[in-house]
């Protein structure tokens, strides 16, 4: 039970003030509410090592897919999923070596845009792997460049805590498409 108390409190802290933010008016003339995003990138796990030993610097290729529902120009809620396309070894909280084989993670993400283009995202999730699943918590930043017809391109940098004991730094490039009914103010 104690294991899940912290993640539940974090989710409540994130989603609790959501109704206040949603009540604010949106000054944007047009807003498409749905946003699909594909990401290609790499993750670096400072405490990790490669299977079979050797490399000091572990860079893991990642593929990502996200969906966001955009409430306003400043706020969106979505699901962010990533697949790490590699095997690596980490040390768990008991100092035991654990091999991770192509882990897949999915997170509930709250995105906030304090200024146009700049996005800050955070949220809890789960990393699934055949041996052991981990609770994860993600925080990151991105900058969105509109490239026309509701398409966008954005570099992103993120940090993920895996199981409360291992961190991962990720960087990637995303391509997104907004769609849905246009709302005019």
Protein backbone atom coordinates (compact mmCIF):
# COMPACT_ATOMS: atom_id res chain seq x y z
CA UNK A 1 0.00 0.00 0.00
CA UNK A 2 2.78 2.41 0.92
CA UNK A 3 4.30 1.74 -2.51
CA UNK A 4 1.27 3.32 -4.25
CA UNK A 5 0.58 6.22 -1.87
CA UNK A 6 3.20 8.55 -3.37
CA UNK A 7 2.09 8.03 -7.03
CA UNK A 8 -1.58 8.56 -6.11
CA UNK A 9 -0.74 11.78 -4.25
CA UNK A 10 1.24 13.04 -7.25
CA UNK A 11 -1.69 12.38 -9.63
CA UNK A 12 -4.10 14.18 -7.27
CA UNK A 13 -1.73 17.16 -7.03
CA UNK A 14 -1.53 17.36 -10.83
CA UNK A 15 -5.19 16.86 -11.65
CA UNK A 16 -6.66 18.65 -8.60
CA UNK A 17 -6.23 22.23 -9.86
CA UNK A 18 -7.19 21.23 -13.42
CA UNK A 19 -10.78 22.52 -13.14
CA UNK A 20 -9.50 26.03 -12.31
CA UNK A 21 -7.22 26.15 -15.32
CA UNK A 22 -9.93 24.78 -17.63
CA UNK A 23 -12.33 27.53 -16.59
CA UNK A 24 -10.00 30.21 -17.96
CA UNK A 25 -10.90 31.70 -21.34
CA UNK A 26 -8.90 30.82 -24.42
CA UNK A 27 -7.83 33.84 -26.50
CA UNK A 28 -6.81 31.82 -29.55
CA UNK A 29 -8.98 32.27 -32.64
CA UNK A 30 -8.80 28.64 -33.76
CA UNK A 31 -8.15 25.56 -31.69
CA UNK A 32 -8.09 21.97 -32.85
CA UNK A 33 -8.51 19.77 -29.80
CA UNK A 34 -6.76 16.55 -30.87
CA UNK A 35 -3.00 16.20 -31.31
CA UNK A 36 -1.20 13.03 -32.47
CA UNK A 37 2.57 12.95 -32.06
CA UNK A 38 5.30 10.57 -33.29
CA UNK A 39 8.74 10.80 -31.68
CA UNK A 40 12.14 9.35 -32.45
CA UNK A 41 14.91 9.81 -29.94
CA UNK A 42 17.42 8.39 -27.52
CA UNK A 43 17.51 7.82 -23.77
CA UNK A 44 20.59 7.92 -21.60
CA UNK A 45 20.54 5.96 -18.35
CA UNK A 46 23.49 7.25 -16.28
CA UNK A 47 23.36 4.31 -13.84
CA UNK A 48 22.89 1.72 -16.58
CA UNK A 49 25.36 -0.52 -18.32
CA UNK A 50 25.24 -2.46 -21.54
CA UNK A 51 24.45 -6.16 -21.58
CA UNK A 52 27.80 -7.96 -21.69
CA UNK A 53 29.61 -4.96 -20.18
CA UNK A 54 31.73 -2.48 -22.03
CA UNK A 55 30.15 0.90 -22.76
CA UNK A 56 30.22 3.66 -20.16
CA UNK A 57 27.71 5.76 -22.09
CA UNK A 58 24.41 3.97 -22.73
CA UNK A 59 22.28 5.60 -25.45
CA UNK A 60 19.08 3.69 -26.09
CA UNK A 61 17.05 4.32 -29.27
CA UNK A 62 13.42 5.13 -28.52
CA UNK A 63 10.23 5.36 -30.52
CA UNK A 64 7.30 7.28 -29.09
CA UNK A 65 3.64 7.88 -29.76
CA UNK A 66 1.47 10.40 -27.93
CA UNK A 67 -2.08 11.65 -28.00
CA UNK A 68 -3.11 14.94 -26.40
CA UNK A 69 -6.50 16.46 -25.88
CA UNK A 70 -6.01 20.22 -26.00
CA UNK A 71 -8.30 22.07 -23.60
CA UNK A 72 -6.95 25.54 -24.29
CA UNK A 73 -3.99 27.31 -25.84
CA UNK A 74 -2.09 26.67 -22.61
CA UNK A 75 -3.26 23.28 -21.33
CA UNK A 76 -3.48 19.70 -22.63
CA UNK A 77 -3.86 16.26 -21.12
CA UNK A 78 -2.60 13.17 -22.89
CA UNK A 79 -1.02 9.74 -23.03
CA UNK A 80 2.67 9.50 -23.86
CA UNK A 81 4.10 6.09 -24.79
CA UNK A 82 7.70 5.11 -25.52
CA UNK A 83 9.44 1.93 -26.58
CA UNK A 84 13.13 1.61 -25.73
CA UNK A 85 14.64 -0.51 -28.50
CA UNK A 86 17.53 -2.07 -26.60
CA UNK A 87 18.57 -4.27 -23.71
CA UNK A 88 20.52 -2.82 -20.79
CA UNK A 89 21.27 -3.47 -17.13
CA UNK A 90 20.33 -1.25 -14.18
CA UNK A 91 20.86 -1.59 -10.46
CA UNK A 92 17.63 -1.75 -8.45
CA UNK A 93 16.94 -0.41 -4.95
CA UNK A 94 18.46 -3.59 -3.42
CA UNK A 95 21.72 -3.14 -5.41
CA UNK A 96 20.85 -6.13 -7.59
CA UNK A 97 21.50 -5.98 -11.34
CA UNK A 98 18.32 -6.13 -13.40
CA UNK A 99 18.28 -6.59 -17.17
CA UNK A 100 15.66 -4.51 -19.00
CA UNK A 101 14.67 -5.85 -22.41
CA UNK A 102 12.83 -3.44 -24.75
CA UNK A 103 10.73 -1.81 -22.01
CA UNK A 104 7.52 -0.03 -23.06
CA UNK A 105 6.24 2.88 -21.00
CA UNK A 106 3.02 4.84 -20.97
CA UNK A 107 2.28 7.95 -18.93
CA UNK A 108 -0.63 10.28 -18.23
CA UNK A 109 0.85 13.65 -19.13
CA UNK A 110 -0.29 17.16 -18.26
CA UNK A 111 1.18 19.74 -20.65
CA UNK A 112 1.35 23.45 -19.93
CA UNK A 113 2.44 26.11 -22.44
CA UNK A 114 3.50 29.26 -20.54
CA UNK A 115 4.36 31.00 -23.82
CA UNK A 116 3.59 30.15 -27.42
CA UNK A 117 5.62 27.17 -28.60
CA UNK A 118 7.18 26.29 -25.24
CA UNK A 119 5.69 23.23 -23.56
CA UNK A 120 6.34 21.81 -20.10
CA UNK A 121 5.00 18.31 -19.46
CA UNK A 122 4.83 16.06 -16.43
CA UNK A 123 3.01 12.98 -15.22
CA UNK A 124 3.02 9.49 -13.75
CA UNK A 125 3.05 6.23 -15.64
CA UNK A 126 4.14 2.61 -15.82
CA UNK A 127 7.08 1.00 -17.60
CA UNK A 128 6.23 -2.52 -18.72
CA UNK A 129 8.91 -5.16 -19.15
CA UNK A 130 8.68 -8.96 -19.15
CA UNK A 131 10.56 -9.41 -15.84
CA UNK A 132 9.36 -6.46 -13.74
CA UNK A 133 7.16 -3.38 -14.25
CA UNK A 134 8.15 -0.04 -12.73
CA UNK A 135 6.20 3.03 -11.70
CA UNK A 136 7.70 6.00 -13.56
CA UNK A 137 7.40 9.74 -13.28
CA UNK A 138 8.23 11.97 -16.26
CA UNK A 139 9.01 15.66 -16.53
CA UNK A 140 10.16 17.45 -19.66
CA UNK A 141 10.24 20.44 -21.92
CA UNK A 142 9.64 20.88 -25.66
CA UNK A 143 9.46 23.69 -28.18
CA UNK A 144 6.92 23.40 -30.96
CA UNK A 145 7.51 24.89 -34.41
CA UNK A 146 4.39 25.10 -36.57
CA UNK A 147 5.19 23.97 -40.11
CA UNK A 148 1.79 24.60 -41.68
CA UNK A 149 -1.66 23.06 -42.04
CA UNK A 150 -1.74 22.09 -38.32
CA UNK A 151 1.51 20.10 -38.53
CA UNK A 152 4.31 20.79 -36.06
CA UNK A 153 7.88 19.78 -35.34
CA UNK A 154 9.33 19.86 -31.83
CA UNK A 155 12.57 18.90 -30.13
CA UNK A 156 12.05 17.65 -26.58
CA UNK A 157 14.16 16.93 -23.51
CA UNK A 158 12.86 14.83 -20.64
CA UNK A 159 13.80 13.17 -17.38
CA UNK A 160 12.17 9.98 -16.14
CA UNK A 161 12.45 8.35 -12.73
CA UNK A 162 12.04 4.57 -13.03
CA UNK A 163 10.92 2.66 -9.97
CA UNK A 164 12.12 5.42 -7.66
CA UNK A 165 15.77 4.43 -8.06
CA UNK A 166 16.90 4.84 -11.69
CA UNK A 167 16.79 7.93 -13.84
CA UNK A 168 16.76 8.34 -17.61
CA UNK A 169 17.47 11.46 -19.64
CA UNK A 170 15.75 11.45 -23.01
CA UNK A 171 15.93 13.68 -26.05
CA UNK A 172 13.99 13.40 -29.25
CA UNK A 173 12.39 15.01 -32.24
CA UNK A 174 8.62 14.88 -32.62
CA UNK A 175 6.26 15.40 -35.53
CA UNK A 176 2.68 16.20 -34.62
CA UNK A 177 -0.65 16.78 -36.33
CA UNK A 178 -3.60 18.61 -34.83
CA UNK A 179 -7.07 17.68 -36.02
CA UNK A 180 -10.72 17.84 -35.11
CA UNK A 181 -13.39 20.47 -35.16
CA UNK A 182 -12.11 24.06 -35.15
CA UNK A 183 -13.46 26.15 -32.30
CA UNK A 184 -13.66 29.89 -32.90
CA UNK A 185 -13.94 32.47 -30.14
